[in-house]
Protein backbone atom coordinates (compact mmCIF):
# COMPACT_ATOMS: atom_id res chain seq x y z
CA MET A 1 -0.09 0.03 -0.04
CA ASP A 2 1.31 3.41 -0.88
CA THR A 3 0.97 6.03 1.81
CA ILE A 4 0.78 9.82 1.22
CA GLN A 5 1.15 11.88 4.37
CA LEU A 6 -1.17 14.73 3.95
CA ASP A 7 -3.78 16.60 5.92
CA PRO A 8 -6.88 16.50 3.73
CA ALA A 9 -8.06 19.56 5.61
CA LYS A 10 -5.34 21.62 4.12
CA ALA A 11 -6.29 20.63 0.57
CA LYS A 12 -9.05 23.08 0.69
CA SER A 13 -10.18 23.18 -2.95
CA PHE A 14 -12.16 20.70 -4.92
CA GLU A 15 -9.69 21.31 -7.86
CA THR A 16 -6.81 19.95 -5.57
CA LEU A 17 -8.75 16.81 -4.82
CA HIS A 18 -9.69 16.36 -8.51
CA ALA A 19 -6.10 16.70 -9.60
CA PHE A 20 -4.97 14.17 -6.98
CA LEU A 21 -7.54 11.59 -8.19
CA GLN A 22 -6.45 12.30 -11.73
CA ALA A 23 -2.96 11.28 -10.72
CA CYS A 24 -4.36 8.13 -9.16
CA LEU A 25 -6.04 7.39 -12.49
CA VAL A 26 -2.68 7.60 -14.23
CA LYS A 27 -1.17 5.25 -11.72
CA ALA A 28 -4.00 2.71 -12.32
CA MET A 29 -3.29 2.90 -16.01
CA GLU A 30 0.41 2.27 -15.46
CA ARG A 31 -0.20 -0.65 -13.21
CA GLY A 32 -3.10 -2.01 -15.26
CA LYS A 33 -5.32 -2.35 -12.27
CA PRO A 34 -7.86 -0.01 -10.40
CA GLN A 35 -6.51 1.71 -7.40
CA LEU A 36 -8.30 1.87 -4.15
CA VAL A 37 -7.91 5.30 -2.70
CA SER A 38 -8.62 5.87 0.95
CA ILE A 39 -8.62 9.41 2.35
CA ALA A 40 -8.62 9.77 6.19
CA ALA A 41 -9.19 13.02 8.12
CA GLU A 42 -9.92 13.73 11.86
CA SER A 43 -13.30 15.31 12.41
CA SER A 44 -15.30 16.64 15.28
CA LEU A 45 -16.54 13.98 17.60
CA LEU A 46 -19.41 12.16 16.00
CA ASP A 47 -21.63 9.27 16.91
CA PRO A 48 -20.99 6.76 14.14
CA LEU A 49 -24.42 5.07 14.59
CA ALA A 50 -26.17 8.51 14.41
CA VAL A 51 -24.30 9.21 11.14
CA LEU A 52 -25.26 5.81 9.76
CA GLU A 53 -28.92 6.49 10.74
CA SER A 54 -28.86 9.74 8.93
CA ILE A 55 -28.17 8.23 5.60
CA TYR A 56 -29.59 4.71 6.18
CA GLU A 57 -31.06 3.06 3.07
CA ASP A 58 -32.16 -0.55 3.26
CA GLN A 59 -30.80 -1.09 -0.26
CA GLN A 60 -27.20 -0.27 0.67
CA GLN A 61 -24.69 -2.45 2.35
CA HIS A 62 -23.58 -1.34 5.82
CA PHE A 63 -21.49 -2.64 8.69
CA TYR A 64 -21.47 -1.46 12.32
CA ILE A 65 -19.77 -2.70 15.37
CA GLU A 66 -19.50 -1.07 18.75
CA LYS A 67 -18.25 -2.17 22.16
CA LYS A 68 -19.27 0.59 24.50
CA ARG A 69 -17.04 -0.61 27.36
CA ASP A 70 -14.01 -0.28 25.13
CA ASP A 71 -15.15 3.07 23.73
CA LEU A 72 -15.07 1.86 20.17
CA ALA A 73 -17.62 2.34 17.38
CA ILE A 74 -17.16 1.81 13.65
CA ALA A 75 -19.73 2.51 10.88
CA GLY A 76 -19.33 2.00 7.23
CA ALA A 77 -21.73 2.03 4.30
CA GLU A 78 -21.94 1.47 0.58
CA ALA A 79 -19.38 -0.68 -1.11
CA ALA A 80 -16.36 0.84 -2.91
CA ILE A 81 -15.13 -2.72 -3.61
CA SER A 82 -16.45 -6.14 -2.52
CA TYR A 83 -15.76 -9.91 -2.82
CA SER A 84 -17.75 -13.00 -1.92
CA PRO A 85 -15.73 -16.31 -1.99
CA SER A 86 -17.28 -19.59 -1.04
CA GLY A 87 -16.34 -23.09 -0.31
CA ALA A 88 -13.74 -24.64 2.05
CA SER A 89 -10.98 -22.32 0.75
CA ARG A 90 -13.04 -19.07 1.39
CA PHE A 91 -10.82 -17.78 4.17
CA LYS A 92 -7.63 -18.39 2.04
CA SER A 93 -9.38 -16.67 -0.92
CA ALA A 94 -10.42 -13.70 1.25
CA LYS A 95 -6.92 -13.28 2.54
CA ALA A 96 -5.44 -13.28 -0.99
CA TRP A 97 -8.08 -10.71 -2.14
CA ILE A 98 -7.24 -8.41 0.80
CA GLU A 99 -3.55 -8.72 0.01
CA GLU A 100 -4.05 -8.01 -3.75
CA THR A 101 -6.35 -5.12 -2.93
CA LEU A 102 -3.73 -3.50 -0.64
CA GLU A 103 -1.04 -3.89 -3.25
CA ASN A 104 -3.09 -1.53 -5.35
CA ALA A 105 -4.16 0.88 -2.60
CA ILE A 106 -3.27 4.45 -1.88
CA ALA A 107 -3.84 5.79 1.66
CA VAL A 108 -3.86 9.54 2.20
CA GLY A 109 -3.87 11.44 5.50
CA ASP A 110 -1.96 11.20 8.85
CA PRO A 111 -0.82 7.60 9.35
CA SER A 112 -0.98 8.09 13.16
CA LEU A 113 -4.65 8.53 13.10
CA PRO A 114 -6.74 5.75 14.61
CA PHE A 115 -8.05 3.45 11.90
CA PHE A 116 -5.96 5.13 9.13
CA GLY A 117 -6.14 3.42 5.69
CA PRO A 118 -8.68 0.98 4.16
CA HIS A 119 -10.64 -1.43 6.34
CA PHE A 120 -12.15 -4.65 5.17
CA PHE A 121 -15.52 -5.46 6.72
CA CYS A 122 -16.30 -9.23 6.80
CA GLY A 123 -19.21 -11.49 7.39
CA PHE A 124 -18.81 -15.31 7.20
CA SER A 125 -21.60 -17.84 7.37
CA PHE A 126 -21.34 -20.61 9.92
CA PHE A 127 -20.88 -23.29 7.11
CA ASP A 128 -18.61 -23.01 4.10
CA GLU A 129 -21.55 -23.20 1.70
CA VAL A 130 -25.13 -21.77 1.87
CA SER A 131 -28.15 -22.26 -0.29
CA SER A 132 -29.59 -19.55 -2.56
CA LYS A 133 -32.40 -19.19 -0.06
CA VAL A 134 -30.11 -17.61 2.56
CA PRO A 135 -30.02 -13.81 2.37
CA PHE A 136 -26.26 -13.45 2.87
CA PRO A 137 -23.54 -15.33 0.84
CA SER A 138 -21.13 -17.63 2.63
CA SER A 139 -18.63 -14.87 2.71
CA SER A 140 -19.17 -11.10 2.40
CA LEU A 141 -16.17 -8.72 2.39
CA PHE A 142 -16.27 -5.03 1.39
CA VAL A 143 -14.42 -1.78 1.73
CA PRO A 144 -17.06 0.93 2.31
CA ARG A 145 -17.38 4.14 0.32
CA TRP A 146 -17.35 5.95 3.71
CA GLN A 147 -16.46 5.06 7.20
CA VAL A 148 -16.63 6.85 10.62
CA VAL A 149 -14.74 5.56 13.62
CA SER A 150 -14.96 6.93 17.22
CA THR A 151 -12.50 5.76 19.80
CA LYS A 152 -10.83 7.25 22.94
CA GLY A 153 -12.23 10.71 22.41
CA ARG A 154 -11.24 10.96 18.76
CA CYS A 155 -13.20 10.62 15.54
CA VAL A 156 -11.91 9.78 12.01
CA ALA A 157 -13.86 9.95 8.80
CA ILE A 158 -12.62 7.96 5.84
CA ALA A 159 -13.76 8.12 2.24
CA ASN A 160 -12.78 5.25 -0.04
CA ALA A 161 -13.16 5.00 -3.79
CA THR A 162 -11.77 2.92 -6.70
CA ILE A 163 -10.14 4.74 -9.63
CA GLY A 164 -9.60 2.81 -12.81
CA LEU A 165 -9.79 3.08 -16.57
CA GLY A 166 -13.21 4.35 -17.67
CA ASP A 167 -14.07 5.85 -14.23
CA ASP A 168 -15.57 9.33 -14.00
CA VAL A 169 -12.95 11.06 -11.86
CA GLU A 170 -14.90 14.18 -11.50
CA ALA A 171 -17.92 12.30 -10.12
CA VAL A 172 -15.66 10.44 -7.66
CA ALA A 173 -14.16 13.66 -6.58
CA LYS A 174 -17.53 15.29 -5.96
CA ARG A 175 -18.74 12.42 -3.87
CA ILE A 176 -15.61 12.42 -1.70
CA TRP A 177 -15.82 16.22 -1.38
CA ASN A 178 -19.40 16.21 -0.45
CA ALA A 179 -18.90 13.46 2.10
CA ASN A 180 -15.93 15.21 3.76
CA THR A 181 -17.85 18.52 3.96
CA LYS A 182 -20.82 16.72 5.60
CA PHE A 183 -18.50 15.06 8.18
CA ARG A 184 -16.79 18.39 9.05
CA SER A 185 -20.14 19.99 9.85
CA PHE A 186 -22.42 17.17 10.58
CA ASP A 187 -25.93 18.18 11.74
CA TYR A 188 -27.93 16.01 13.98
CA SER A 189 -31.13 17.27 12.50
CA GLU A 190 -33.93 17.98 14.89
CA GLU A 191 -36.34 17.00 12.20
CA GLU A 192 -35.16 13.35 12.36
CA CYS A 193 -37.70 11.17 14.13
CA SER A 194 -38.14 7.53 14.90
CA SER A 195 -39.54 5.36 12.11
CA LYS A 196 -41.44 3.27 14.64
CA LYS A 197 -45.05 3.83 15.38
CA ASP A 198 -46.25 3.72 19.00
CA GLY A 199 -44.88 0.34 19.88
CA ILE A 200 -44.30 -2.70 17.60
CA ARG A 201 -46.82 -5.52 18.22
CA ILE A 202 -45.89 -9.11 17.47
CA LEU A 203 -48.67 -10.73 15.50
CA GLU A 204 -47.36 -14.27 15.15
CA THR A 205 -44.48 -16.32 16.66
CA LYS A 206 -43.51 -19.79 15.42
CA GLU A 207 -40.44 -22.09 15.70
CA ARG A 208 -38.89 -23.50 12.59
CA GLY A 209 -39.21 -27.18 12.55
CA GLY A 210 -42.02 -27.15 15.14
CA ASP A 211 -42.34 -26.72 18.84
CA ASP A 212 -40.84 -30.02 20.03
CA ALA A 213 -38.09 -30.23 17.37
CA PHE A 214 -35.35 -28.88 19.55
CA GLN A 215 -35.87 -31.22 22.52
CA VAL A 216 -36.05 -34.17 20.19
CA ALA A 217 -32.73 -33.07 18.48
CA VAL A 218 -31.01 -32.74 21.95
CA GLY A 219 -32.22 -36.16 22.96
CA ASN A 220 -31.00 -37.70 19.66
CA ALA A 221 -27.54 -35.88 20.12
CA LEU A 222 -27.23 -37.25 23.61
CA LYS A 223 -27.53 -40.78 22.17
CA GLN A 224 -24.71 -40.11 19.74
CA ILE A 225 -22.64 -38.70 22.64
CA LYS A 226 -23.22 -41.82 24.78
CA VAL A 227 -22.01 -44.08 21.94
CA GLY A 228 -18.88 -41.96 21.51
CA GLU A 229 -19.70 -40.33 18.11
CA PHE A 230 -18.45 -36.93 19.63
CA GLU A 231 -18.08 -35.34 22.97
CA LYS A 232 -20.05 -32.15 22.46
CA ILE A 233 -22.39 -30.60 19.87
CA VAL A 234 -24.04 -27.24 19.86
CA LEU A 235 -27.64 -27.10 18.72
CA ALA A 236 -29.69 -23.98 18.01
CA ARG A 237 -33.34 -22.86 17.66
CA ALA A 238 -34.68 -20.40 15.21
CA LEU A 239 -37.78 -18.36 16.28
CA GLU A 240 -39.71 -16.49 13.63
CA LEU A 241 -41.67 -13.32 14.54
CA LYS A 242 -43.95 -11.33 12.32
CA ALA A 243 -44.89 -7.72 13.51
CA ASP A 244 -47.46 -5.13 12.68
CA GLN A 245 -44.78 -2.84 11.18
CA PRO A 246 -41.24 -3.09 9.86
CA PHE A 247 -38.37 -3.51 12.35
CA HIS A 248 -35.73 -0.85 12.01
CA PRO A 249 -32.30 -2.56 12.39
CA LEU A 250 -30.39 0.58 13.60
CA GLU A 251 -32.95 1.56 16.22
CA ILE A 252 -32.73 -2.06 17.63
CA LEU A 253 -28.86 -1.66 17.44
CA ASN A 254 -29.11 1.50 19.52
CA THR A 255 -30.96 -0.37 22.26
CA LEU A 256 -28.53 -3.25 22.12
CA ARG A 257 -25.47 -1.06 22.51
CA GLU A 258 -27.00 0.73 25.49
CA ARG A 259 -28.11 -2.49 27.32
CA TYR A 260 -25.08 -4.61 26.63
CA GLU A 261 -21.98 -2.55 27.18
CA ASP A 262 -19.74 -5.52 27.53
CA CYS A 263 -20.94 -7.14 24.25
CA PHE A 264 -20.23 -6.40 20.66
CA ALA A 265 -23.43 -4.73 19.21
CA PHE A 266 -23.29 -5.28 15.50
CA SER A 267 -25.26 -4.93 12.32
CA ILE A 268 -24.35 -6.15 8.87
CA ALA A 269 -26.71 -5.41 5.88
CA ASN A 270 -26.66 -7.22 2.53
CA GLY A 271 -27.95 -4.22 0.52
CA LYS A 272 -31.14 -6.12 -0.31
CA GLY A 273 -33.24 -5.20 2.62
CA GLN A 274 -32.05 -7.77 5.22
CA SER A 275 -29.76 -7.04 8.21
CA PHE A 276 -28.10 -9.37 10.64
CA ILE A 277 -27.92 -7.79 14.02
CA GLY A 278 -27.01 -8.73 17.55
CA ALA A 279 -25.14 -8.17 20.75
CA SER A 280 -22.48 -10.93 20.97
CA PRO A 281 -20.61 -11.63 24.27
CA GLU A 282 -18.04 -13.68 22.43
CA ARG A 283 -14.90 -12.53 20.61
CA LEU A 284 -13.56 -15.17 18.23
CA VAL A 285 -10.12 -13.64 17.88
CA SER A 286 -8.42 -10.26 17.83
CA VAL A 287 -4.90 -9.25 16.76
CA PHE A 288 -3.32 -5.89 17.89
CA LYS A 289 0.37 -5.01 18.27
CA GLY A 290 1.59 -8.61 17.86
CA ARG A 291 -0.84 -9.94 20.46
CA VAL A 292 -3.63 -12.64 19.92
CA ASN A 293 -6.59 -12.74 22.10
CA VAL A 294 -9.45 -15.40 21.95
CA ASP A 295 -12.52 -15.77 24.18
CA ALA A 296 -13.00 -19.15 25.83
CA LEU A 297 -16.76 -18.73 26.74
CA ALA A 298 -19.01 -21.52 27.70
CA GLY A 299 -21.60 -22.51 30.42
CA THR A 300 -24.52 -20.36 31.23
CA ALA A 301 -26.43 -19.31 34.38
CA PRO A 302 -29.14 -16.65 34.83
CA ARG A 303 -28.56 -13.35 36.74
CA GLY A 304 -30.10 -13.02 40.07
CA LYS A 305 -32.73 -10.39 41.06
CA THR A 306 -30.73 -9.52 44.21
CA ALA A 307 -26.93 -9.62 44.95
CA SER A 308 -27.26 -12.75 46.99
CA GLU A 309 -29.27 -14.51 44.43
CA ASP A 310 -26.89 -13.45 41.56
CA ALA A 311 -23.85 -14.60 43.68
CA ARG A 312 -25.54 -17.93 44.29
CA PHE A 313 -26.19 -18.47 40.53
CA GLY A 314 -22.57 -17.55 39.73
CA ALA A 315 -21.13 -19.80 42.47
CA GLY A 316 -23.35 -22.61 41.09
CA LEU A 317 -21.97 -22.10 37.71
CA LEU A 318 -18.32 -22.08 38.85
CA ASP A 319 -19.06 -25.35 40.90
CA SER A 320 -20.98 -27.04 38.13
CA GLU A 321 -19.06 -30.13 36.93
CA LYS A 322 -21.04 -30.21 33.64
CA ASP A 323 -20.43 -26.53 32.86
CA ARG A 324 -16.78 -26.62 33.80
CA ARG A 325 -16.28 -29.66 31.59
CA GLU A 326 -18.01 -27.91 28.78
CA HIS A 327 -15.80 -24.83 29.17
CA ARG A 328 -12.57 -27.02 29.40
CA ILE A 329 -13.59 -28.47 26.02
CA VAL A 330 -13.69 -25.06 24.51
CA TYR A 331 -10.43 -23.91 26.16
CA ASP A 332 -8.52 -27.08 25.19
CA SER A 333 -9.76 -26.86 21.58
CA ILE A 334 -8.68 -23.16 21.34
CA CYS A 335 -5.21 -24.03 22.67
CA ARG A 336 -4.82 -26.85 20.17
CA ARG A 337 -5.85 -24.62 17.31
CA LEU A 338 -3.40 -21.87 18.22
CA GLU A 339 -0.56 -24.33 18.84
CA SER A 340 -1.11 -25.78 15.34
CA LEU A 341 -0.20 -22.34 14.01
CA ASP A 342 3.06 -22.39 16.26
CA LEU A 343 1.54 -19.94 18.78
CA SER A 344 2.34 -20.52 22.45
CA VAL A 345 -0.68 -19.98 24.73
CA GLU A 346 0.04 -17.93 27.84
CA SER A 347 -3.28 -18.27 29.74
CA LEU A 348 -4.24 -20.99 32.28
CA CYS A 349 -7.74 -22.42 32.27
CA CYS A 350 -8.97 -20.74 35.49
CA PRO A 351 -12.31 -19.50 34.43
CA SER A 352 -13.95 -16.35 35.89
CA LEU A 353 -17.55 -15.08 35.45
CA LYS A 354 -18.47 -13.01 32.59
CA LYS A 355 -21.64 -11.22 33.72
CA LEU A 356 -24.02 -9.84 31.20
CA GLN A 357 -27.38 -8.12 31.73
CA ASN A 358 -29.42 -11.37 31.66
CA VAL A 359 -26.95 -14.22 31.98
CA GLN A 360 -23.51 -15.11 33.12
CA HIS A 361 -20.82 -17.39 31.55
CA LEU A 362 -17.56 -19.12 32.46
CA PHE A 363 -14.79 -17.15 30.74
CA VAL A 364 -11.07 -17.19 30.06
CA ASP A 365 -9.18 -14.58 27.94
CA VAL A 366 -6.71 -16.89 25.93
CA GLU A 367 -3.68 -14.97 24.97
CA ALA A 368 -0.63 -15.62 22.67
CA GLU A 369 2.09 -13.80 20.83
CA LEU A 370 1.56 -13.53 17.12
CA ALA A 371 4.08 -15.55 15.01
CA ASP A 372 5.62 -14.25 11.86
CA GLY A 373 3.62 -14.98 8.68
CA ILE A 374 0.36 -15.64 10.48
CA HIS A 375 -2.53 -13.51 9.14
CA LEU A 376 -5.65 -12.68 11.17
CA LEU A 377 -7.76 -14.75 8.65
CA ASP A 378 -5.44 -17.75 9.17
CA LEU A 379 -6.55 -17.55 12.87
CA VAL A 380 -10.20 -17.18 11.92
CA ALA A 381 -9.97 -20.25 9.60
CA GLU A 382 -8.30 -22.36 12.30
CA LEU A 383 -10.55 -21.32 15.13
CA HIS A 384 -14.00 -21.27 13.41
CA PRO A 385 -16.11 -22.86 14.60
CA THR A 386 -15.06 -23.21 18.25
CA PRO A 387 -16.62 -25.84 20.40
CA ALA A 388 -18.71 -23.03 21.92
CA VAL A 389 -20.79 -22.85 18.77
CA GLY A 390 -19.92 -26.12 16.84
CA GLY A 391 -18.72 -29.00 18.97
CA THR A 392 -15.87 -31.39 19.65
CA PRO A 393 -14.22 -33.19 17.99
CA ARG A 394 -15.06 -30.67 15.35
CA GLU A 395 -14.58 -32.95 12.45
CA ALA A 396 -17.15 -35.39 13.93
CA ALA A 397 -19.71 -32.99 15.53
CA VAL A 398 -20.07 -30.01 13.15
CA PRO A 399 -21.20 -32.04 10.09
CA ARG A 400 -24.03 -33.52 12.31
CA ILE A 401 -25.52 -30.20 13.12
CA GLN A 402 -27.47 -29.89 9.96
CA GLU A 403 -29.16 -33.32 10.44
CA HIS A 404 -30.47 -32.13 13.82
CA GLU A 405 -31.49 -28.48 13.15
CA ARG A 406 -34.41 -27.74 10.96
CA PHE A 407 -33.18 -24.41 9.47
CA GLU A 408 -29.98 -23.01 7.81
CA ARG A 409 -27.76 -21.02 10.21
CA GLY A 410 -26.56 -18.52 7.59
CA LEU A 411 -24.51 -15.97 9.45
CA TYR A 412 -25.67 -17.18 12.88
CA ALA A 413 -22.67 -18.19 14.92
CA GLY A 414 -20.30 -17.19 11.97
CA PRO A 415 -17.23 -14.87 12.21
CA ILE A 416 -18.11 -11.19 11.79
CA GLY A 417 -15.38 -8.49 11.97
CA TRP A 418 -12.87 -6.26 10.40
CA ILE A 419 -9.25 -6.16 9.17
CA ASN A 420 -7.06 -3.08 8.71
CA SER A 421 -4.14 -2.60 6.25
CA LYS A 422 -1.58 -3.84 8.89
CA GLY A 423 -3.52 -7.18 9.27
CA GLU A 424 -4.81 -6.21 12.68
CA GLY A 425 -8.50 -6.50 13.56
CA GLU A 426 -11.17 -8.26 15.46
CA PHE A 427 -13.84 -10.92 14.86
CA LEU A 428 -16.84 -11.69 17.06
CA VAL A 429 -19.05 -14.76 17.08
CA GLY A 430 -22.43 -13.97 15.53
CA ILE A 431 -24.47 -15.19 18.45
CA ARG A 432 -27.29 -13.53 20.44
CA SER A 433 -28.51 -12.43 17.00
CA ALA A 434 -31.41 -12.07 14.66
CA LEU A 435 -32.11 -11.65 10.98
CA VAL A 436 -34.35 -8.67 10.32
CA ASP A 437 -36.32 -8.42 7.05
CA GLY A 438 -39.09 -5.73 7.01
CA GLU A 439 -41.87 -6.97 9.34
CA ASN A 440 -40.13 -10.28 9.90
CA ALA A 441 -37.36 -11.26 12.20
CA CYS A 442 -35.78 -14.62 12.89
CA LEU A 443 -34.09 -14.98 16.27
CA TYR A 444 -31.34 -17.51 16.97
CA ALA A 445 -30.32 -19.09 20.28
CA GLY A 446 -28.11 -22.20 20.85
CA VAL A 447 -26.68 -24.35 23.64
CA GLY A 448 -23.86 -26.85 24.01
CA VAL A 449 -25.00 -30.44 24.41
CA VAL A 450 -22.63 -32.68 26.44
CA GLU A 451 -23.04 -35.76 28.69
CA GLY A 452 -25.35 -34.76 31.48
CA SER A 453 -27.48 -32.33 29.46
CA VAL A 454 -31.11 -32.41 29.97
CA PRO A 455 -33.44 -31.53 26.96
CA GLU A 456 -35.97 -29.64 29.05
CA ARG A 457 -33.17 -27.62 30.75
CA GLU A 458 -31.43 -26.73 27.43
CA HIS A 459 -34.78 -25.66 26.14
CA LEU A 460 -35.18 -23.27 29.04
CA GLU A 461 -31.74 -21.89 28.46
CA THR A 462 -32.60 -21.02 24.91
CA ASN A 463 -35.81 -19.37 26.08
CA LEU A 464 -33.74 -17.20 28.42
CA LYS A 465 -31.56 -16.13 25.47
CA PHE A 466 -34.61 -15.52 23.19
CA GLN A 467 -36.27 -13.35 25.76
CA ALA A 468 -33.40 -10.95 25.88
CA LEU A 469 -33.48 -10.64 22.13
CA LYS A 470 -37.24 -10.20 21.95
CA GLU A 471 -37.18 -7.40 24.50
CA ASN A 472 -34.83 -5.36 22.35
CA LEU A 473 -36.93 -5.81 19.23
CA LEU A 474 -39.97 -4.07 20.70
């Protein structure tokens, strides 16, 4: 990637921007490939979600992720460039596409700015292949035309565009100029109002596969565990809701980020009217400054209504042989996967409690030092799916999921995240999530099934997870 250190605010004329993009066109012609131009500038402090709301169109791709506790929010919309590989080699193909794109990229601005340069927003389905009925492809990567990041009291606005033979450079320049002008003097219009009417009413609720399908599936899985086919399998339910008016994904997202500060509030839209949204408590993997972090998360208990009740539930979870065994399965698998990439794990399996608004989990932050030559997507490919959302042994358990579940998972429990030009980034696991499509929403919730699991109890656990999602839709 070529880097041009320049303060875009000092290039105060449209003519200067136009001339620069003309030079990028010359470079594209010399190289024989379009150039991705990424222009970053610090702006006044903006709320990225409010910016996204102000220009929201359901027929445009968007990506949003926020972890309020970490003071990080990223919004991007409209695709400057995109790619959708599928199949068993999709992570490898995605990595190669990112690397090729960066070889033909020009980043403009102050390199010390947070989130300088192009960022690749990614959504991967749980399985390598999906049917044509699923709203999202098995892989969706894109660099947005515009992006706003707020972190640690600073805000950076980024405009991205591709410049190649036959492109209208003047039109590109006008789009970037207008976007930068808007970001410099963004107006939270008082005329904006909620798209909701007075309260959404749910008209119909039904479970895919039928009301008893899940408990039957858990019972069948327990038989397979008993005869040694696998040690653990994660099974999910899909609950379909129909409302009296359209759901607005960004309004739901605002509720999620406020209520679940320790979770990743996220939304990814396909540009065809559907959005996959949620508040995931689980990071799949992150890479920053040469460090790798992976969440080992498993076991669930409710939160108490009083401090004493909450402590009792937490202590019960920590003392639960079944839940600690389930968590150990997840931890051991993560360690094996990291070690297969020659990474040395530095964290012991001493779980603490991760307390969310409605549930608490057993949790360990697994840490390692990044080895030379290992890309973030190499880690994603190796770790996904963890036993927390798939099963173990992975090769035996994961292929059996589809014979038990009566629906396609799509993005549910898949890796969702972002990668920067240095190969750093973060991926979450797409759980505690819902697919929103106009007046329809499909909620997902799953549990780990191991020896000692009870179908009725697992059904109650998924109900607990569904309830939290439903409360945030209304």
